[in-house]
Amino acid sequence: QVQLVESGGGLVQAGGSLRLSCAASGSILSINDMGWYRQAPGKQRELVATSTNYAASVKGRFTISRDNLKNTVYLQMNSLKPEDTAVYYCSAISGYRRYWGQGTQVTVSS
């Protein structure tokens, strides 16, 4: 079992920055990859970033990083736009299972 806890969401003006954190616990040695997804109201959950891939809409603005000593993955979000408003979820893959965090709200005002 893997537990994921996100933090760092909030309200920011367009053009601003936020850094999301996701702390992993449990069977962390079994984690193959971690990433970030988001879901806006009325839309499907979509990929934001993994260790090897970024959504086209965030390339050049968002950066994913990982601190293995802290078992934490980060998402640095710069030049935020109103269309980035969503609930952001951390995800981890362990074996054939995908785990999700509870989500953190990011709201970007125009």
N, C-alpha and C. Protein backbone atom coordinates (compact mmCIF):
# COMPACT_ATOMS: atom_id res chain seq x y z
N GLN A 1 0.84 -1.19 0.00
CA GLN A 1 0.00 0.00 0.00
C GLN A 1 0.88 1.25 0.00
N VAL A 2 0.41 2.24 -0.73
CA VAL A 2 1.10 3.52 -0.81
C VAL A 2 0.11 4.61 -0.44
N GLN A 3 0.52 5.52 0.42
CA GLN A 3 -0.31 6.66 0.78
C GLN A 3 0.35 7.93 0.23
N LEU A 4 -0.49 8.81 -0.31
CA LEU A 4 -0.01 10.05 -0.91
C LEU A 4 -0.77 11.22 -0.31
N VAL A 5 -0.05 12.25 0.10
CA VAL A 5 -0.68 13.44 0.67
C VAL A 5 -0.14 14.67 -0.03
N GLU A 6 -1.05 15.37 -0.70
CA GLU A 6 -0.66 16.59 -1.42
C GLU A 6 -0.81 17.82 -0.53
N SER A 7 -0.06 18.85 -0.86
CA SER A 7 -0.20 20.14 -0.19
C SER A 7 0.32 21.23 -1.14
N GLY A 8 0.01 22.47 -0.80
CA GLY A 8 0.55 23.59 -1.56
C GLY A 8 -0.42 24.29 -2.49
N GLY A 9 -1.63 23.79 -2.60
CA GLY A 9 -2.60 24.45 -3.46
C GLY A 9 -3.05 25.76 -2.87
N GLY A 10 -3.85 26.51 -3.64
CA GLY A 10 -4.36 27.77 -3.15
C GLY A 10 -4.85 28.65 -4.27
N LEU A 11 -5.05 29.91 -3.92
CA LEU A 11 -5.54 30.91 -4.86
C LEU A 11 -4.38 31.81 -5.26
N VAL A 12 -4.21 32.02 -6.55
CA VAL A 12 -3.12 32.85 -7.05
C VAL A 12 -3.61 33.63 -8.26
N GLN A 13 -3.03 34.79 -8.48
CA GLN A 13 -3.39 35.58 -9.65
C GLN A 13 -2.67 35.04 -10.88
N ALA A 14 -3.27 35.30 -12.02
CA ALA A 14 -2.65 34.89 -13.29
C ALA A 14 -1.24 35.47 -13.38
N GLY A 15 -0.32 34.64 -13.83
CA GLY A 15 1.08 35.02 -13.91
C GLY A 15 1.88 34.64 -12.69
N GLY A 16 1.20 34.23 -11.64
CA GLY A 16 1.87 33.86 -10.40
C GLY A 16 2.38 32.44 -10.40
N SER A 17 2.91 32.03 -9.26
CA SER A 17 3.51 30.71 -9.12
C SER A 17 3.00 30.00 -7.88
N LEU A 18 3.03 28.69 -7.93
CA LEU A 18 2.73 27.84 -6.79
C LEU A 18 3.62 26.61 -6.88
N ARG A 19 3.91 26.03 -5.73
CA ARG A 19 4.61 24.75 -5.71
C ARG A 19 3.80 23.74 -4.93
N LEU A 20 3.44 22.67 -5.60
CA LEU A 20 2.72 21.58 -4.96
C LEU A 20 3.70 20.53 -4.47
N SER A 21 3.34 19.91 -3.36
CA SER A 21 4.16 18.82 -2.80
C SER A 21 3.30 17.60 -2.64
N CYS A 22 3.92 16.45 -2.76
CA CYS A 22 3.23 15.17 -2.56
C CYS A 22 4.17 14.27 -1.78
N ALA A 23 3.78 13.98 -0.55
CA ALA A 23 4.58 13.12 0.30
C ALA A 23 4.06 11.69 0.24
N ALA A 24 4.95 10.76 -0.04
CA ALA A 24 4.58 9.35 -0.14
C ALA A 24 5.00 8.61 1.12
N SER A 25 4.18 7.66 1.51
CA SER A 25 4.51 6.80 2.65
C SER A 25 3.98 5.40 2.38
N GLY A 26 4.36 4.47 3.22
CA GLY A 26 3.97 3.08 3.01
C GLY A 26 5.03 2.34 2.23
N SER A 27 4.61 1.59 1.24
CA SER A 27 5.54 0.76 0.46
C SER A 27 6.23 1.59 -0.61
N ILE A 28 7.01 2.56 -0.18
CA ILE A 28 7.59 3.52 -1.12
C ILE A 28 8.66 2.90 -2.01
N LEU A 29 9.31 1.84 -1.53
CA LEU A 29 10.34 1.20 -2.34
C LEU A 29 9.75 0.52 -3.57
N SER A 30 8.45 0.27 -3.54
CA SER A 30 7.79 -0.40 -4.66
C SER A 30 7.32 0.58 -5.73
N ILE A 31 7.46 1.88 -5.47
CA ILE A 31 6.96 2.88 -6.42
C ILE A 31 7.86 2.91 -7.65
N ASN A 32 7.24 2.78 -8.83
CA ASN A 32 7.98 2.83 -10.08
C ASN A 32 8.06 4.25 -10.62
N ASP A 33 6.99 4.99 -10.47
CA ASP A 33 6.97 6.36 -11.00
C ASP A 33 5.90 7.14 -10.26
N MET A 34 6.09 8.45 -10.22
CA MET A 34 5.11 9.35 -9.62
C MET A 34 4.85 10.48 -10.58
N GLY A 35 3.66 11.04 -10.48
CA GLY A 35 3.33 12.13 -11.38
C GLY A 35 2.18 12.95 -10.86
N TRP A 36 1.79 13.93 -11.65
CA TRP A 36 0.70 14.84 -11.30
C TRP A 36 -0.36 14.82 -12.40
N TYR A 37 -1.61 14.84 -11.96
CA TYR A 37 -2.76 14.94 -12.84
C TYR A 37 -3.64 16.06 -12.32
N ARG A 38 -4.59 16.48 -13.13
CA ARG A 38 -5.53 17.51 -12.68
C ARG A 38 -6.90 17.27 -13.28
N GLN A 39 -7.91 17.78 -12.59
CA GLN A 39 -9.28 17.67 -13.06
C GLN A 39 -10.01 18.97 -12.82
N ALA A 40 -10.42 19.59 -13.91
CA ALA A 40 -11.19 20.82 -13.84
C ALA A 40 -12.67 20.47 -13.79
N PRO A 41 -13.51 21.38 -13.28
CA PRO A 41 -14.95 21.09 -13.20
C PRO A 41 -15.53 20.73 -14.57
N GLY A 42 -16.26 19.62 -14.61
CA GLY A 42 -16.90 19.20 -15.84
C GLY A 42 -15.98 18.56 -16.85
N LYS A 43 -14.73 18.34 -16.48
CA LYS A 43 -13.77 17.75 -17.41
C LYS A 43 -13.18 16.47 -16.84
N GLN A 44 -12.59 15.69 -17.72
CA GLN A 44 -11.94 14.46 -17.29
C GLN A 44 -10.58 14.77 -16.66
N ARG A 45 -10.14 13.86 -15.82
CA ARG A 45 -8.82 13.99 -15.23
C ARG A 45 -7.77 13.85 -16.34
N GLU A 46 -6.76 14.70 -16.30
CA GLU A 46 -5.75 14.68 -17.36
C GLU A 46 -4.35 14.70 -16.77
N LEU A 47 -3.43 14.17 -17.56
CA LEU A 47 -2.03 14.17 -17.16
C LEU A 47 -1.48 15.59 -17.17
N VAL A 48 -0.71 15.91 -16.13
CA VAL A 48 0.02 17.17 -16.11
C VAL A 48 1.51 16.90 -16.36
N ALA A 49 2.07 16.03 -15.54
CA ALA A 49 3.51 15.76 -15.67
C ALA A 49 3.87 14.45 -14.99
N THR A 50 4.77 13.72 -15.63
CA THR A 50 5.43 12.59 -14.99
C THR A 50 6.93 12.82 -15.11
N SER A 51 7.70 11.85 -14.70
CA SER A 51 9.14 12.01 -14.78
C SER A 51 9.64 12.08 -16.22
N THR A 52 8.84 11.63 -17.15
CA THR A 52 9.28 11.57 -18.55
C THR A 52 8.39 12.33 -19.52
N ASN A 53 7.33 12.96 -19.03
CA ASN A 53 6.37 13.54 -19.96
C ASN A 53 5.64 14.72 -19.33
N TYR A 54 5.39 15.73 -20.13
CA TYR A 54 4.59 16.88 -19.72
C TYR A 54 3.44 17.06 -20.70
N ALA A 55 2.31 17.50 -20.18
CA ALA A 55 1.23 17.91 -21.06
C ALA A 55 1.69 19.11 -21.88
N ALA A 56 1.24 19.17 -23.13
CA ALA A 56 1.66 20.27 -24.00
C ALA A 56 1.28 21.62 -23.41
N SER A 57 0.17 21.66 -22.71
CA SER A 57 -0.34 22.93 -22.19
C SER A 57 0.50 23.49 -21.04
N VAL A 58 1.37 22.67 -20.45
CA VAL A 58 2.16 23.14 -19.31
C VAL A 58 3.66 23.14 -19.58
N LYS A 59 4.08 22.64 -20.72
CA LYS A 59 5.50 22.59 -21.04
C LYS A 59 6.11 23.99 -21.01
N GLY A 60 7.26 24.08 -20.36
CA GLY A 60 7.93 25.37 -20.25
C GLY A 60 7.46 26.20 -19.08
N ARG A 61 6.35 25.81 -18.46
CA ARG A 61 5.83 26.55 -17.31
C ARG A 61 5.88 25.73 -16.02
N PHE A 62 5.66 24.43 -16.12
CA PHE A 62 5.63 23.55 -14.95
C PHE A 62 6.87 22.66 -14.95
N THR A 63 7.35 22.35 -13.75
CA THR A 63 8.49 21.46 -13.62
C THR A 63 8.22 20.45 -12.50
N ILE A 64 8.38 19.18 -12.81
CA ILE A 64 8.24 18.14 -11.80
C ILE A 64 9.63 17.76 -11.30
N SER A 65 9.72 17.53 -10.00
CA SER A 65 10.98 17.09 -9.41
C SER A 65 10.70 16.14 -8.26
N ARG A 66 11.72 15.43 -7.85
CA ARG A 66 11.53 14.42 -6.81
C ARG A 66 12.71 14.45 -5.85
N ASP A 67 12.39 14.39 -4.58
CA ASP A 67 13.39 14.29 -3.52
C ASP A 67 13.26 12.90 -2.91
N ASN A 68 14.15 12.01 -3.27
CA ASN A 68 14.04 10.62 -2.80
C ASN A 68 14.29 10.49 -1.30
N LEU A 69 15.11 11.39 -0.75
CA LEU A 69 15.37 11.31 0.70
C LEU A 69 14.12 11.66 1.50
N LYS A 70 13.30 12.55 0.95
CA LYS A 70 12.07 12.96 1.63
C LYS A 70 10.85 12.22 1.12
N ASN A 71 11.05 11.34 0.13
CA ASN A 71 9.93 10.60 -0.47
C ASN A 71 8.84 11.56 -0.93
N THR A 72 9.26 12.63 -1.55
CA THR A 72 8.35 13.68 -1.94
C THR A 72 8.57 14.06 -3.40
N VAL A 73 7.47 14.30 -4.10
CA VAL A 73 7.54 14.80 -5.46
C VAL A 73 6.90 16.19 -5.48
N TYR A 74 7.47 17.07 -6.28
CA TYR A 74 7.03 18.44 -6.34
C TYR A 74 6.55 18.80 -7.74
N LEU A 75 5.68 19.80 -7.80
CA LEU A 75 5.29 20.38 -9.08
C LEU A 75 5.41 21.89 -8.94
N GLN A 76 6.44 22.45 -9.55
CA GLN A 76 6.62 23.89 -9.58
C GLN A 76 5.82 24.44 -10.75
N MET A 77 4.90 25.33 -10.47
CA MET A 77 4.02 25.88 -11.49
C MET A 77 4.26 27.38 -11.60
N ASN A 78 4.75 27.80 -12.75
CA ASN A 78 5.01 29.22 -13.00
C ASN A 78 4.10 29.73 -14.12
N SER A 79 4.01 31.03 -14.21
CA SER A 79 3.20 31.68 -15.26
C SER A 79 1.80 31.05 -15.32
N LEU A 80 1.19 30.95 -14.18
CA LEU A 80 -0.11 30.28 -14.10
C LEU A 80 -1.18 31.05 -14.87
N LYS A 81 -2.10 30.29 -15.44
CA LYS A 81 -3.19 30.86 -16.23
C LYS A 81 -4.53 30.44 -15.62
N PRO A 82 -5.59 31.18 -15.86
CA PRO A 82 -6.90 30.77 -15.33
C PRO A 82 -7.29 29.36 -15.75
N GLU A 83 -6.88 28.94 -16.93
CA GLU A 83 -7.22 27.59 -17.38
C GLU A 83 -6.45 26.49 -16.66
N ASP A 84 -5.51 26.86 -15.79
CA ASP A 84 -4.84 25.89 -14.95
C ASP A 84 -5.65 25.57 -13.69
N THR A 85 -6.74 26.28 -13.50
CA THR A 85 -7.60 26.04 -12.33
C THR A 85 -8.15 24.62 -12.37
N ALA A 86 -7.91 23.88 -11.29
CA ALA A 86 -8.33 22.48 -11.21
C ALA A 86 -7.97 21.92 -9.85
N VAL A 87 -8.45 20.72 -9.58
CA VAL A 87 -7.94 19.94 -8.46
C VAL A 87 -6.76 19.13 -8.98
N TYR A 88 -5.65 19.26 -8.32
CA TYR A 88 -4.42 18.57 -8.73
C TYR A 88 -4.21 17.35 -7.86
N TYR A 89 -3.96 16.21 -8.52
CA TYR A 89 -3.79 14.94 -7.83
C TYR A 89 -2.39 14.40 -8.07
N CYS A 90 -1.82 13.89 -7.00
CA CYS A 90 -0.56 13.16 -7.09
C CYS A 90 -0.90 11.70 -7.36
N SER A 91 -0.05 11.05 -8.14
CA SER A 91 -0.28 9.66 -8.49
C SER A 91 1.03 8.90 -8.40
N ALA A 92 0.93 7.64 -7.96
CA ALA A 92 2.10 6.78 -7.90
C ALA A 92 1.74 5.42 -8.46
N ILE A 93 2.67 4.85 -9.19
CA ILE A 93 2.48 3.51 -9.74
C ILE A 93 3.38 2.54 -8.98
N SER A 94 2.75 1.49 -8.47
CA SER A 94 3.47 0.45 -7.75
C SER A 94 3.02 -0.89 -8.30
N GLY A 95 3.91 -1.55 -9.02
CA GLY A 95 3.49 -2.80 -9.67
C GLY A 95 2.43 -2.50 -10.72
N TYR A 96 1.28 -3.12 -10.55
CA TYR A 96 0.18 -2.91 -11.50
C TYR A 96 -0.90 -2.00 -10.92
N ARG A 97 -0.62 -1.38 -9.80
CA ARG A 97 -1.61 -0.54 -9.15
C ARG A 97 -1.21 0.93 -9.28
N ARG A 98 -2.23 1.76 -9.41
CA ARG A 98 -2.03 3.21 -9.39
C ARG A 98 -2.72 3.74 -8.14
N TYR A 99 -1.98 4.54 -7.40
CA TYR A 99 -2.50 5.16 -6.19
C TYR A 99 -2.70 6.66 -6.43
N TRP A 100 -3.69 7.22 -5.73
CA TRP A 100 -4.01 8.64 -5.85
C TRP A 100 -4.00 9.30 -4.48
N GLY A 101 -3.60 10.57 -4.48
CA GLY A 101 -3.78 11.38 -3.29
C GLY A 101 -5.19 11.93 -3.25
N GLN A 102 -5.47 12.73 -2.23
CA GLN A 102 -6.82 13.26 -2.05
C GLN A 102 -7.07 14.49 -2.92
N GLY A 103 -6.01 15.08 -3.46
CA GLY A 103 -6.16 16.24 -4.33
C GLY A 103 -5.99 17.54 -3.57
N THR A 104 -5.51 18.55 -4.29
CA THR A 104 -5.39 19.89 -3.73
C THR A 104 -5.87 20.90 -4.77
N GLN A 105 -6.67 21.84 -4.32
CA GLN A 105 -7.29 22.80 -5.23
C GLN A 105 -6.32 23.91 -5.61
N VAL A 106 -6.23 24.17 -6.90
CA VAL A 106 -5.48 25.31 -7.41
C VAL A 106 -6.46 26.20 -8.17
N THR A 107 -6.54 27.45 -7.76
CA THR A 107 -7.43 28.40 -8.42
C THR A 107 -6.61 29.60 -8.89
N VAL A 108 -6.71 29.89 -10.18
CA VAL A 108 -5.97 31.00 -10.76
C VAL A 108 -6.97 32.06 -11.21
N SER A 109 -6.87 33.22 -10.62
CA SER A 109 -7.80 34.31 -10.95
C SER A 109 -7.21 35.18 -12.07
N SER A 110 -8.11 35.72 -12.88
CA SER A 110 -7.66 36.55 -14.02
C SER A 110 -7.54 38.02 -13.61
